[in-house]
Amino acid sequence: MDQEEADPGFSAVGEVAGDRVTVTVTGEVDMATAGALYQAATPDRVTAATLDLRAVTFFDSAAIHTLVRLADHYAGEIEVFPSDRVRRVLDISGLGGQPWLRTG
């Protein structure tokens, strides 16, 4: 896939409840889609985030960078539910032990 062409199966849908946004992500998170993930996860007036990445099929360095930015943005108020592929990429990159990673 061309790096500039977004995955047509990608979506990042955020729902706000109180001060928390829950973002459900599907498809490939890469250079072409990572910005959309960040936008969906940072609406105005929220102080916490849940990222559901269980339907993510590809996760590259741009996606890792976005995830680290979100962890910094929400400092201690983020939880991430990774797919097996995302978990593997995070483990390989040395981020598999982060306290914000969840199972289930």
PDB file of N, CA and C in Angstrom:
ATOM      1  N   MET A   1       0.846  -1.183   0.000  1.00  0.00           N
ATOM      2  CA  MET A   1       0.000   0.000   0.000  1.00  0.00           C
ATOM      3  C   MET A   1       0.884   1.236   0.000  1.00  0.00           C
ATOM      4  N   ASP A   2       0.559   2.197  -0.803  1.00  0.00           N
ATOM      5  CA  ASP A   2       1.263   3.464  -0.865  1.00  0.00           C
ATOM      6  C   ASP A   2       1.178   4.147   0.500  1.00  0.00           C
ATOM      7  N   GLN A   3       2.287   4.707   0.970  1.00  0.00           N
ATOM      8  CA  GLN A   3       2.301   5.326   2.296  1.00  0.00           C
ATOM      9  C   GLN A   3       1.377   6.529   2.393  1.00  0.00           C
ATOM     10  N   GLU A   4       1.080   7.161   1.281  1.00  0.00           N
ATOM     11  CA  GLU A   4       0.220   8.336   1.310  1.00  0.00           C
ATOM     12  C   GLU A   4      -1.258   7.970   1.193  1.00  0.00           C
ATOM     13  N   GLU A   5      -1.567   6.727   0.871  1.00  0.00           N
ATOM     14  CA  GLU A   5      -2.938   6.301   0.659  1.00  0.00           C
ATOM     15  C   GLU A   5      -3.466   5.639   1.917  1.00  0.00           C
ATOM     16  N   ALA A   6      -4.545   6.196   2.489  1.00  0.00           N
ATOM     17  CA  ALA A   6      -5.113   5.647   3.708  1.00  0.00           C
ATOM     18  C   ALA A   6      -5.824   4.333   3.431  1.00  0.00           C
ATOM     19  N   ASP A   7      -5.788   3.438   4.406  1.00  0.00           N
ATOM     20  CA  ASP A   7      -6.488   2.162   4.339  1.00  0.00           C
ATOM     21  C   ASP A   7      -7.997   2.445   4.299  1.00  0.00           C
ATOM     22  N   PRO A   8      -8.698   1.970   3.266  1.00  0.00           N
ATOM     23  CA  PRO A   8     -10.142   2.218   3.210  1.00  0.00           C
ATOM     24  C   PRO A   8     -10.909   1.508   4.325  1.00  0.00           C
ATOM     25  N   GLY A   9     -10.283   0.527   4.977  1.00  0.00           N
ATOM     26  CA  GLY A   9     -10.918  -0.157   6.099  1.00  0.00           C
ATOM     27  C   GLY A   9     -10.627   0.482   7.440  1.00  0.00           C
ATOM     28  N   PHE A  10      -9.854   1.571   7.441  1.00  0.00           N
ATOM     29  CA  PHE A  10      -9.500   2.248   8.691  1.00  0.00           C
ATOM     30  C   PHE A  10     -10.665   3.088   9.191  1.00  0.00           C
ATOM     31  N   SER A  11     -10.861   3.042  10.494  1.00  0.00           N
ATOM     32  CA  SER A  11     -11.758   3.995  11.143  1.00  0.00           C
ATOM     33  C   SER A  11     -11.287   4.202  12.575  1.00  0.00           C
ATOM     34  N   ALA A  12     -11.525   5.387  13.073  1.00  0.00           N
ATOM     35  CA  ALA A  12     -11.235   5.736  14.466  1.00  0.00           C
ATOM     36  C   ALA A  12     -12.418   6.573  14.937  1.00  0.00           C
ATOM     37  N   VAL A  13     -13.285   5.945  15.702  1.00  0.00           N
ATOM     38  CA  VAL A  13     -14.518   6.584  16.135  1.00  0.00           C
ATOM     39  C   VAL A  13     -14.453   6.832  17.631  1.00  0.00           C
ATOM     40  N   GLY A  14     -14.568   8.091  18.019  1.00  0.00           N
ATOM     41  CA  GLY A  14     -14.517   8.457  19.424  1.00  0.00           C
ATOM     42  C   GLY A  14     -15.886   8.769  19.976  1.00  0.00           C
ATOM     43  N   GLU A  15     -16.145   8.302  21.190  1.00  0.00           N
ATOM     44  CA  GLU A  15     -17.369   8.621  21.913  1.00  0.00           C
ATOM     45  C   GLU A  15     -16.980   9.194  23.258  1.00  0.00           C
ATOM     46  N   VAL A  16     -17.537  10.345  23.583  1.00  0.00           N
ATOM     47  CA  VAL A  16     -17.226  11.021  24.839  1.00  0.00           C
ATOM     48  C   VAL A  16     -18.337  10.749  25.849  1.00  0.00           C
ATOM     49  N   ALA A  17     -17.923  10.342  27.045  1.00  0.00           N
ATOM     50  CA  ALA A  17     -18.833  10.171  28.178  1.00  0.00           C
ATOM     51  C   ALA A  17     -18.176  10.849  29.368  1.00  0.00           C
ATOM     52  N   GLY A  18     -18.747  11.930  29.800  1.00  0.00           N
ATOM     53  CA  GLY A  18     -18.145  12.695  30.886  1.00  0.00           C
ATOM     54  C   GLY A  18     -16.827  13.289  30.438  1.00  0.00           C
ATOM     55  N   ASP A  19     -15.762  12.976  31.173  1.00  0.00           N
ATOM     56  CA  ASP A  19     -14.452  13.528  30.825  1.00  0.00           C
ATOM     57  C   ASP A  19     -13.561  12.491  30.120  1.00  0.00           C
ATOM     58  N   ARG A  20     -14.139  11.374  29.657  1.00  0.00           N
ATOM     59  CA  ARG A  20     -13.370  10.304  29.006  1.00  0.00           C
ATOM     60  C   ARG A  20     -13.852  10.109  27.581  1.00  0.00           C
ATOM     61  N   VAL A  21     -12.882   9.945  26.674  1.00  0.00           N
ATOM     62  CA  VAL A  21     -13.187   9.566  25.303  1.00  0.00           C
ATOM     63  C   VAL A  21     -12.802   8.100  25.122  1.00  0.00           C
ATOM     64  N   THR A  22     -13.670   7.354  24.471  1.00  0.00           N
ATOM     65  CA  THR A  22     -13.377   5.971  24.103  1.00  0.00           C
ATOM     66  C   THR A  22     -13.306   5.923  22.587  1.00  0.00           C
ATOM     67  N   VAL A  23     -12.145   5.504  22.074  1.00  0.00           N
ATOM     68  CA  VAL A  23     -11.920   5.467  20.641  1.00  0.00           C
ATOM     69  C   VAL A  23     -11.797   4.013  20.199  1.00  0.00           C
ATOM     70  N   THR A  24     -12.651   3.627  19.267  1.00  0.00           N
ATOM     71  CA  THR A  24     -12.605   2.291  18.691  1.00  0.00           C
ATOM     72  C   THR A  24     -11.954   2.403  17.322  1.00  0.00           C
ATOM     73  N   VAL A  25     -10.859   1.654  17.139  1.00  0.00           N
ATOM     74  CA  VAL A  25     -10.055   1.754  15.925  1.00  0.00           C
ATOM     75  C   VAL A  25     -10.089   0.424  15.188  1.00  0.00           C
ATOM     76  N   THR A  26     -10.256   0.496  13.860  1.00  0.00           N
ATOM     77  CA  THR A  26     -10.214  -0.699  13.023  1.00  0.00           C
ATOM     78  C   THR A  26      -9.276  -0.451  11.843  1.00  0.00           C
ATOM     79  N   GLY A  27      -8.727  -1.534  11.319  1.00  0.00           N
ATOM     80  CA  GLY A  27      -7.888  -1.445  10.128  1.00  0.00           C
ATOM     81  C   GLY A  27      -6.436  -1.157  10.443  1.00  0.00           C
ATOM     82  N   GLU A  28      -5.766  -0.500   9.496  1.00  0.00           N
ATOM     83  CA  GLU A  28      -4.334  -0.231   9.590  1.00  0.00           C
ATOM     84  C   GLU A  28      -4.059   1.158  10.147  1.00  0.00           C
ATOM     85  N   VAL A  29      -3.202   1.210  11.175  1.00  0.00           N
ATOM     86  CA  VAL A  29      -2.758   2.498  11.708  1.00  0.00           C
ATOM     87  C   VAL A  29      -1.320   2.672  11.248  1.00  0.00           C
ATOM     88  N   ASP A  30      -1.120   3.668  10.381  1.00  0.00           N
ATOM     89  CA  ASP A  30       0.196   3.915   9.787  1.00  0.00           C
ATOM     90  C   ASP A  30       0.348   5.414   9.549  1.00  0.00           C
ATOM     91  N   MET A  31       1.338   5.783   8.747  1.00  0.00           N
ATOM     92  CA  MET A  31       1.611   7.190   8.491  1.00  0.00           C
ATOM     93  C   MET A  31       0.379   7.921   7.944  1.00  0.00           C
ATOM     94  N   ALA A  32      -0.411   7.247   7.137  1.00  0.00           N
ATOM     95  CA  ALA A  32      -1.570   7.874   6.514  1.00  0.00           C
ATOM     96  C   ALA A  32      -2.764   8.011   7.458  1.00  0.00           C
ATOM     97  N   THR A  33      -2.828   7.225   8.527  1.00  0.00           N
ATOM     98  CA  THR A  33      -4.008   7.226   9.392  1.00  0.00           C
ATOM     99  C   THR A  33      -3.737   7.625  10.839  1.00  0.00           C
ATOM    100  N   ALA A  34      -2.484   7.684  11.240  1.00  0.00           N
ATOM    101  CA  ALA A  34      -2.146   7.974  12.638  1.00  0.00           C
ATOM    102  C   ALA A  34      -2.676   9.340  13.083  1.00  0.00           C
ATOM    103  N   GLY A  35      -2.651  10.307  12.203  1.00  0.00           N
ATOM    104  CA  GLY A  35      -3.172  11.633  12.541  1.00  0.00           C
ATOM    105  C   GLY A  35      -4.659  11.602  12.853  1.00  0.00           C
ATOM    106  N   ALA A  36      -5.407  10.809  12.094  1.00  0.00           N
ATOM    107  CA  ALA A  36      -6.843  10.676  12.342  1.00  0.00           C
ATOM    108  C   ALA A  36      -7.099  10.017  13.697  1.00  0.00           C
ATOM    109  N   LEU A  37      -6.262   9.046  14.060  1.00  0.00           N
ATOM    110  CA  LEU A  37      -6.379   8.434  15.380  1.00  0.00           C
ATOM    111  C   LEU A  37      -6.156   9.481  16.466  1.00  0.00           C
ATOM    112  N   TYR A  38      -5.106  10.270  16.312  1.00  0.00           N
ATOM    113  CA  TYR A  38      -4.814  11.296  17.318  1.00  0.00           C
ATOM    114  C   TYR A  38      -5.974  12.288  17.439  1.00  0.00           C
ATOM    115  N   GLN A  39      -6.506  12.727  16.314  1.00  0.00           N
ATOM    116  CA  GLN A  39      -7.633  13.675  16.321  1.00  0.00           C
ATOM    117  C   GLN A  39      -8.843  13.079  17.046  1.00  0.00           C
ATOM    118  N   ALA A  40      -9.168  11.821  16.744  1.00  0.00           N
ATOM    119  CA  ALA A  40     -10.326  11.183  17.374  1.00  0.00           C
ATOM    120  C   ALA A  40     -10.134  11.032  18.877  1.00  0.00           C
ATOM    121  N   ALA A  41      -8.885  10.889  19.311  1.00  0.00           N
ATOM    122  CA  ALA A  41      -8.594  10.641  20.725  1.00  0.00           C
ATOM    123  C   ALA A  41      -8.389  11.909  21.544  1.00  0.00           C
ATOM    124  N   THR A  42      -8.427  13.063  20.906  1.00  0.00           N
ATOM    125  CA  THR A  42      -8.158  14.308  21.646  1.00  0.00           C
ATOM    126  C   THR A  42      -9.241  15.372  21.422  1.00  0.00           C
ATOM    127  N   PRO A  43     -10.497  15.022  21.660  1.00  0.00           N
ATOM    128  CA  PRO A  43     -11.525  16.057  21.551  1.00  0.00           C
ATOM    129  C   PRO A  43     -11.388  17.060  22.696  1.00  0.00           C
ATOM    130  N   ASP A  44     -12.018  18.183  22.548  1.00  0.00           N
ATOM    131  CA  ASP A  44     -11.983  19.217  23.590  1.00  0.00           C
ATOM    132  C   ASP A  44     -12.614  18.705  24.884  1.00  0.00           C
ATOM    133  N   ARG A  45     -12.086  19.181  25.984  1.00  0.00           N
ATOM    134  CA  ARG A  45     -12.640  18.996  27.328  1.00  0.00           C
ATOM    135  C   ARG A  45     -12.688  17.557  27.832  1.00  0.00           C
ATOM    136  N   VAL A  46     -11.771  16.711  27.399  1.00  0.00           N
ATOM    137  CA  VAL A  46     -11.663  15.385  27.997  1.00  0.00           C
ATOM    138  C   VAL A  46     -10.303  15.272  28.670  1.00  0.00           C
ATOM    139  N   THR A  47     -10.254  14.493  29.733  1.00  0.00           N
ATOM    140  CA  THR A  47      -9.012  14.362  30.494  1.00  0.00           C
ATOM    141  C   THR A  47      -8.546  12.912  30.601  1.00  0.00           C
ATOM    142  N   ALA A  48      -9.286  12.000  29.967  1.00  0.00           N
ATOM    143  CA  ALA A  48      -8.933  10.585  30.024  1.00  0.00           C
ATOM    144  C   ALA A  48      -9.342   9.920  28.712  1.00  0.00           C
ATOM    145  N   ALA A  49      -8.662   8.808  28.398  1.00  0.00           N
ATOM    146  CA  ALA A  49      -8.956   8.123  27.141  1.00  0.00           C
ATOM    147  C   ALA A  49      -8.848   6.611  27.285  1.00  0.00           C
ATOM    148  N   THR A  50      -9.701   5.937  26.535  1.00  0.00           N
ATOM    149  CA  THR A  50      -9.618   4.495  26.347  1.00  0.00           C
ATOM    150  C   THR A  50      -9.480   4.265  24.852  1.00  0.00           C
ATOM    151  N   LEU A  51      -8.456   3.508  24.464  1.00  0.00           N
ATOM    152  CA  LEU A  51      -8.259   3.163  23.055  1.00  0.00           C
ATOM    153  C   LEU A  51      -8.511   1.677  22.886  1.00  0.00           C
ATOM    154  N   ASP A  52      -9.482   1.347  22.059  1.00  0.00           N
ATOM    155  CA  ASP A  52      -9.775  -0.039  21.744  1.00  0.00           C
ATOM    156  C   ASP A  52      -9.136  -0.346  20.392  1.00  0.00           C
ATOM    157  N   LEU A  53      -7.984  -1.001  20.427  1.00  0.00           N
ATOM    158  CA  LEU A  53      -7.226  -1.325  19.218  1.00  0.00           C
ATOM    159  C   LEU A  53      -7.361  -2.801  18.858  1.00  0.00           C
ATOM    160  N   ARG A  54      -8.360  -3.482  19.405  1.00  0.00           N
ATOM    161  CA  ARG A  54      -8.489  -4.922  19.199  1.00  0.00           C
ATOM    162  C   ARG A  54      -8.813  -5.311  17.755  1.00  0.00           C
ATOM    163  N   ALA A  55      -9.275  -4.368  16.939  1.00  0.00           N
ATOM    164  CA  ALA A  55      -9.564  -4.667  15.533  1.00  0.00           C
ATOM    165  C   ALA A  55      -8.511  -4.070  14.597  1.00  0.00           C
ATOM    166  N   VAL A  56      -7.363  -3.669  15.153  1.00  0.00           N
ATOM    167  CA  VAL A  56      -6.275  -3.110  14.339  1.00  0.00           C
ATOM    168  C   VAL A  56      -5.479  -4.263  13.730  1.00  0.00           C
ATOM    169  N   THR A  57      -5.241  -4.165  12.408  1.00  0.00           N
ATOM    170  CA  THR A  57      -4.568  -5.237  11.673  1.00  0.00           C
ATOM    171  C   THR A  57      -3.124  -4.918  11.325  1.00  0.00           C
ATOM    172  N   PHE A  58      -2.717  -3.657  11.457  1.00  0.00           N
ATOM    173  CA  PHE A  58      -1.353  -3.239  11.146  1.00  0.00           C
ATOM    174  C   PHE A  58      -1.046  -2.030  12.001  1.00  0.00           C
ATOM    175  N   PHE A  59       0.192  -1.965  12.534  1.00  0.00           N
ATOM    176  CA  PHE A  59       0.573  -0.904  13.464  1.00  0.00           C
ATOM    177  C   PHE A  59       2.044  -0.625  13.237  1.00  0.00           C
ATOM    178  N   ASP A  60       2.383   0.558  12.704  1.00  0.00           N
ATOM    179  CA  ASP A  60       3.779   0.846  12.374  1.00  0.00           C
ATOM    180  C   ASP A  60       4.377   1.893  13.305  1.00  0.00           C
ATOM    181  N   SER A  61       5.544   2.398  12.938  1.00  0.00           N
ATOM    182  CA  SER A  61       6.245   3.366  13.796  1.00  0.00           C
ATOM    183  C   SER A  61       5.467   4.667  13.965  1.00  0.00           C
ATOM    184  N   ALA A  62       4.731   5.094  12.950  1.00  0.00           N
ATOM    185  CA  ALA A  62       3.897   6.299  13.087  1.00  0.00           C
ATOM    186  C   ALA A  62       2.796   6.054  14.114  1.00  0.00           C
ATOM    187  N   ALA A  63       2.264   4.854  14.124  1.00  0.00           N
ATOM    188  CA  ALA A  63       1.239   4.494  15.091  1.00  0.00           C
ATOM    189  C   ALA A  63       1.817   4.456  16.504  1.00  0.00           C
ATOM    190  N   ILE A  64       3.009   3.890  16.641  1.00  0.00           N
ATOM    191  CA  ILE A  64       3.672   3.869  17.947  1.00  0.00           C
ATOM    192  C   ILE A  64       3.895   5.298  18.442  1.00  0.00           C
ATOM    193  N   HIS A  65       4.386   6.153  17.573  1.00  0.00           N
ATOM    194  CA  HIS A  65       4.624   7.553  17.933  1.00  0.00           C
ATOM    195  C   HIS A  65       3.325   8.216  18.416  1.00  0.00           C
ATOM    196  N   THR A  66       2.237   7.965  17.713  1.00  0.00           N
ATOM    197  CA  THR A  66       0.947   8.538  18.108  1.00  0.00           C
ATOM    198  C   THR A  66       0.512   8.009  19.465  1.00  0.00           C
ATOM    199  N   LEU A  67       0.692   6.730  19.699  1.00  0.00           N
ATOM    200  CA  LEU A  67       0.327   6.139  20.979  1.00  0.00           C
ATOM    201  C   LEU A  67       1.142   6.734  22.123  1.00  0.00           C
ATOM    202  N   VAL A  68       2.433   6.928  21.914  1.00  0.00           N
ATOM    203  CA  VAL A  68       3.285   7.549  22.936  1.00  0.00           C
ATOM    204  C   VAL A  68       2.851   8.993  23.184  1.00  0.00           C
ATOM    205  N   ARG A  69       2.519   9.723  22.121  1.00  0.00           N
ATOM    206  CA  ARG A  69       2.015  11.101  22.280  1.00  0.00           C
ATOM    207  C   ARG A  69       0.734  11.120  23.110  1.00  0.00           C
ATOM    208  N   LEU A  70      -0.172  10.171  22.834  1.00  0.00           N
ATOM    209  CA  LEU A  70      -1.420  10.113  23.592  1.00  0.00           C
ATOM    210  C   LEU A  70      -1.171   9.739  25.049  1.00  0.00           C
ATOM    211  N   ALA A  71      -0.231   8.827  25.300  1.00  0.00           N
ATOM    212  CA  ALA A  71       0.108   8.471  26.679  1.00  0.00           C
ATOM    213  C   ALA A  71       0.663   9.682  27.426  1.00  0.00           C
ATOM    214  N   ASP A  72       1.466  10.496  26.757  1.00  0.00           N
ATOM    215  CA  ASP A  72       1.971  11.725  27.368  1.00  0.00           C
ATOM    216  C   ASP A  72       0.840  12.733  27.583  1.00  0.00           C
ATOM    217  N   HIS A  73      -0.022  12.869  26.596  1.00  0.00           N
ATOM    218  CA  HIS A  73      -1.141  13.825  26.664  1.00  0.00           C
ATOM    219  C   HIS A  73      -2.066  13.505  27.840  1.00  0.00           C
ATOM    220  N   TYR A  74      -2.323  12.226  28.055  1.00  0.00           N
ATOM    221  CA  TYR A  74      -3.259  11.807  29.105  1.00  0.00           C
ATOM    222  C   TYR A  74      -2.573  11.315  30.371  1.00  0.00           C
ATOM    223  N   ALA A  75      -1.282  11.475  30.477  1.00  0.00           N
ATOM    224  CA  ALA A  75      -0.463  11.145  31.651  1.00  0.00           C
ATOM    225  C   ALA A  75      -1.200  10.424  32.780  1.00  0.00           C
ATOM    226  N   GLY A  76      -1.198   9.102  32.712  1.00  0.00           N
ATOM    227  CA  GLY A  76      -1.798   8.291  33.765  1.00  0.00           C
ATOM    228  C   GLY A  76      -3.298   8.089  33.634  1.00  0.00           C
ATOM    229  N   GLU A  77      -3.902   8.689  32.645  1.00  0.00           N
ATOM    230  CA  GLU A  77      -5.353   8.589  32.466  1.00  0.00           C
ATOM    231  C   GLU A  77      -5.713   7.982  31.116  1.00  0.00           C
ATOM    232  N   ILE A  78      -4.927   7.003  30.673  1.00  0.00           N
ATOM    233  CA  ILE A  78      -5.191   6.332  29.409  1.00  0.00           C
ATOM    234  C   ILE A  78      -5.104   4.833  29.609  1.00  0.00           C
ATOM    235  N   GLU A  79      -5.966   4.117  28.907  1.00  0.00           N
ATOM    236  CA  GLU A  79      -5.879   2.672  28.881  1.00  0.00           C
ATOM    237  C   GLU A  79      -6.016   2.233  27.430  1.00  0.00           C
ATOM    238  N   VAL A  80      -5.245   1.197  27.080  1.00  0.00           N
ATOM    239  CA  VAL A  80      -5.176   0.728  25.703  1.00  0.00           C
ATOM    240  C   VAL A  80      -5.424  -0.776  25.672  1.00  0.00           C
ATOM    241  N   PHE A  81      -6.386  -1.176  24.860  1.00  0.00           N
ATOM    242  CA  PHE A  81      -6.694  -2.587  24.650  1.00  0.00           C
ATOM    243  C   PHE A  81      -6.169  -2.966  23.267  1.00  0.00           C
ATOM    244  N   PRO A  82      -4.998  -3.619  23.196  1.00  0.00           N
ATOM    245  CA  PRO A  82      -4.376  -3.902  21.901  1.00  0.00           C
ATOM    246  C   PRO A  82      -4.862  -5.217  21.281  1.00  0.00           C
ATOM    247  N   SER A  83      -4.802  -5.269  19.949  1.00  0.00           N
ATOM    248  CA  SER A  83      -4.970  -6.545  19.254  1.00  0.00           C
ATOM    249  C   SER A  83      -3.689  -7.348  19.468  1.00  0.00           C
ATOM    250  N   ASP A  84      -3.693  -8.598  19.077  1.00  0.00           N
ATOM    251  CA  ASP A  84      -2.473  -9.411  19.186  1.00  0.00           C
ATOM    252  C   ASP A  84      -1.335  -8.795  18.363  1.00  0.00           C
ATOM    253  N   ARG A  85      -1.653  -8.270  17.178  1.00  0.00           N
ATOM    254  CA  ARG A  85      -0.616  -7.651  16.334  1.00  0.00           C
ATOM    255  C   ARG A  85      -0.041  -6.399  16.989  1.00  0.00           C
ATOM    256  N   VAL A  86      -0.921  -5.579  17.530  1.00  0.00           N
ATOM    257  CA  VAL A  86      -0.451  -4.358  18.197  1.00  0.00           C
ATOM    258  C   VAL A  86       0.412  -4.737  19.394  1.00  0.00           C
ATOM    259  N   ARG A  87      -0.040  -5.701  20.168  1.00  0.00           N
ATOM    260  CA  ARG A  87       0.730  -6.154  21.346  1.00  0.00           C
ATOM    261  C   ARG A  87       2.124  -6.616  20.925  1.00  0.00           C
ATOM    262  N   ARG A  88       2.193  -7.377  19.841  1.00  0.00           N
ATOM    263  CA  ARG A  88       3.491  -7.876  19.357  1.00  0.00           C
ATOM    264  C   ARG A  88       4.409  -6.722  18.962  1.00  0.00           C
ATOM    265  N   VAL A  89       3.875  -5.741  18.236  1.00  0.00           N
ATOM    266  CA  VAL A  89       4.677  -4.584  17.829  1.00  0.00           C
ATOM    267  C   VAL A  89       5.158  -3.816  19.065  1.00  0.00           C
ATOM    268  N   LEU A  90       4.290  -3.634  20.028  1.00  0.00           N
ATOM    269  CA  LEU A  90       4.684  -2.919  21.244  1.00  0.00           C
ATOM    270  C   LEU A  90       5.716  -3.711  22.038  1.00  0.00           C
ATOM    271  N   ASP A  91       5.568  -5.024  22.095  1.00  0.00           N
ATOM    272  CA  ASP A  91       6.567  -5.857  22.770  1.00  0.00           C
ATOM    273  C   ASP A  91       7.926  -5.727  22.091  1.00  0.00           C
ATOM    274  N   ILE A  92       7.956  -5.822  20.769  1.00  0.00           N
ATOM    275  CA  ILE A  92       9.209  -5.716  20.011  1.00  0.00           C
ATOM    276  C   ILE A  92       9.853  -4.347  20.196  1.00  0.00           C
ATOM    277  N   SER A  93       9.024  -3.311  20.273  1.00  0.00           N
ATOM    278  CA  SER A  93       9.555  -1.945  20.400  1.00  0.00           C
ATOM    279  C   SER A  93       9.964  -1.594  21.832  1.00  0.00           C
ATOM    280  N   GLY A  94       9.726  -2.503  22.777  1.00  0.00           N
ATOM    281  CA  GLY A  94      10.097  -2.237  24.163  1.00  0.00           C
ATOM    282  C   GLY A  94       9.011  -1.558  24.974  1.00  0.00           C
ATOM    283  N   LEU A  95       7.809  -1.423  24.412  1.00  0.00           N
ATOM    284  CA  LEU A  95       6.715  -0.748  25.108  1.00  0.00           C
ATOM    285  C   LEU A  95       5.690  -1.718  25.695  1.00  0.00           C
ATOM    286  N   GLY A  96       5.980  -3.016  25.632  1.00  0.00           N
ATOM    287  CA  GLY A  96       5.022  -4.013  26.076  1.00  0.00           C
ATOM    288  C   GLY A  96       4.714  -4.004  27.561  1.00  0.00           C
ATOM    289  N   GLY A  97       5.545  -3.375  28.355  1.00  0.00           N
ATOM    290  CA  GLY A  97       5.332  -3.345  29.802  1.00  0.00           C
ATOM    291  C   GLY A  97       4.688  -2.075  30.324  1.00  0.00           C
ATOM    292  N   GLN A  98       4.155  -1.259  29.435  1.00  0.00           N
ATOM    293  CA  GLN A  98       3.565   0.011  29.868  1.00  0.00           C
ATOM    294  C   GLN A  98       2.342  -0.220  30.748  1.00  0.00           C
ATOM    295  N   PRO A  99       2.178   0.591  31.777  1.00  0.00           N
ATOM    296  CA  PRO A  99       1.044   0.392  32.705  1.00  0.00           C
ATOM    297  C   PRO A  99      -0.308   0.656  32.066  1.00  0.00           C
ATOM    298  N   TRP A 100      -0.334   1.343  30.933  1.00  0.00           N
ATOM    299  CA  TRP A 100      -1.618   1.633  30.293  1.00  0.00           C
ATOM    300  C   TRP A 100      -2.111   0.514  29.392  1.00  0.00           C
ATOM    301  N   LEU A 101      -1.286  -0.514  29.156  1.00  0.00           N
ATOM    302  CA  LEU A 101      -1.715  -1.644  28.329  1.00  0.00           C
ATOM    303  C   LEU A 101      -2.618  -2.566  29.136  1.00  0.00           C
ATOM    304  N   ARG A 102      -3.719  -2.970  28.530  1.00  0.00           N
ATOM    305  CA  ARG A 102      -4.688  -3.855  29.165  1.00  0.00           C
ATOM    306  C   ARG A 102      -4.825  -5.133  28.351  1.00  0.00           C
ATOM    307  N   THR A 103      -5.468  -6.119  28.935  1.00  0.00           N
ATOM    308  CA  THR A 103      -5.804  -7.343  28.214  1.00  0.00           C
ATOM    309  C   THR A 103      -7.316  -7.451  28.182  1.00  0.00           C
ATOM    310  N   GLY A 104      -7.803  -8.253  27.257  1.00  0.00           N
ATOM    311  CA  GLY A 104      -9.247  -8.477  27.228  1.00  0.00           C
ATOM    312  C   GLY A 104      -9.967  -7.876  26.096  1.00  0.00           C
TER     313      GLY A 104
END
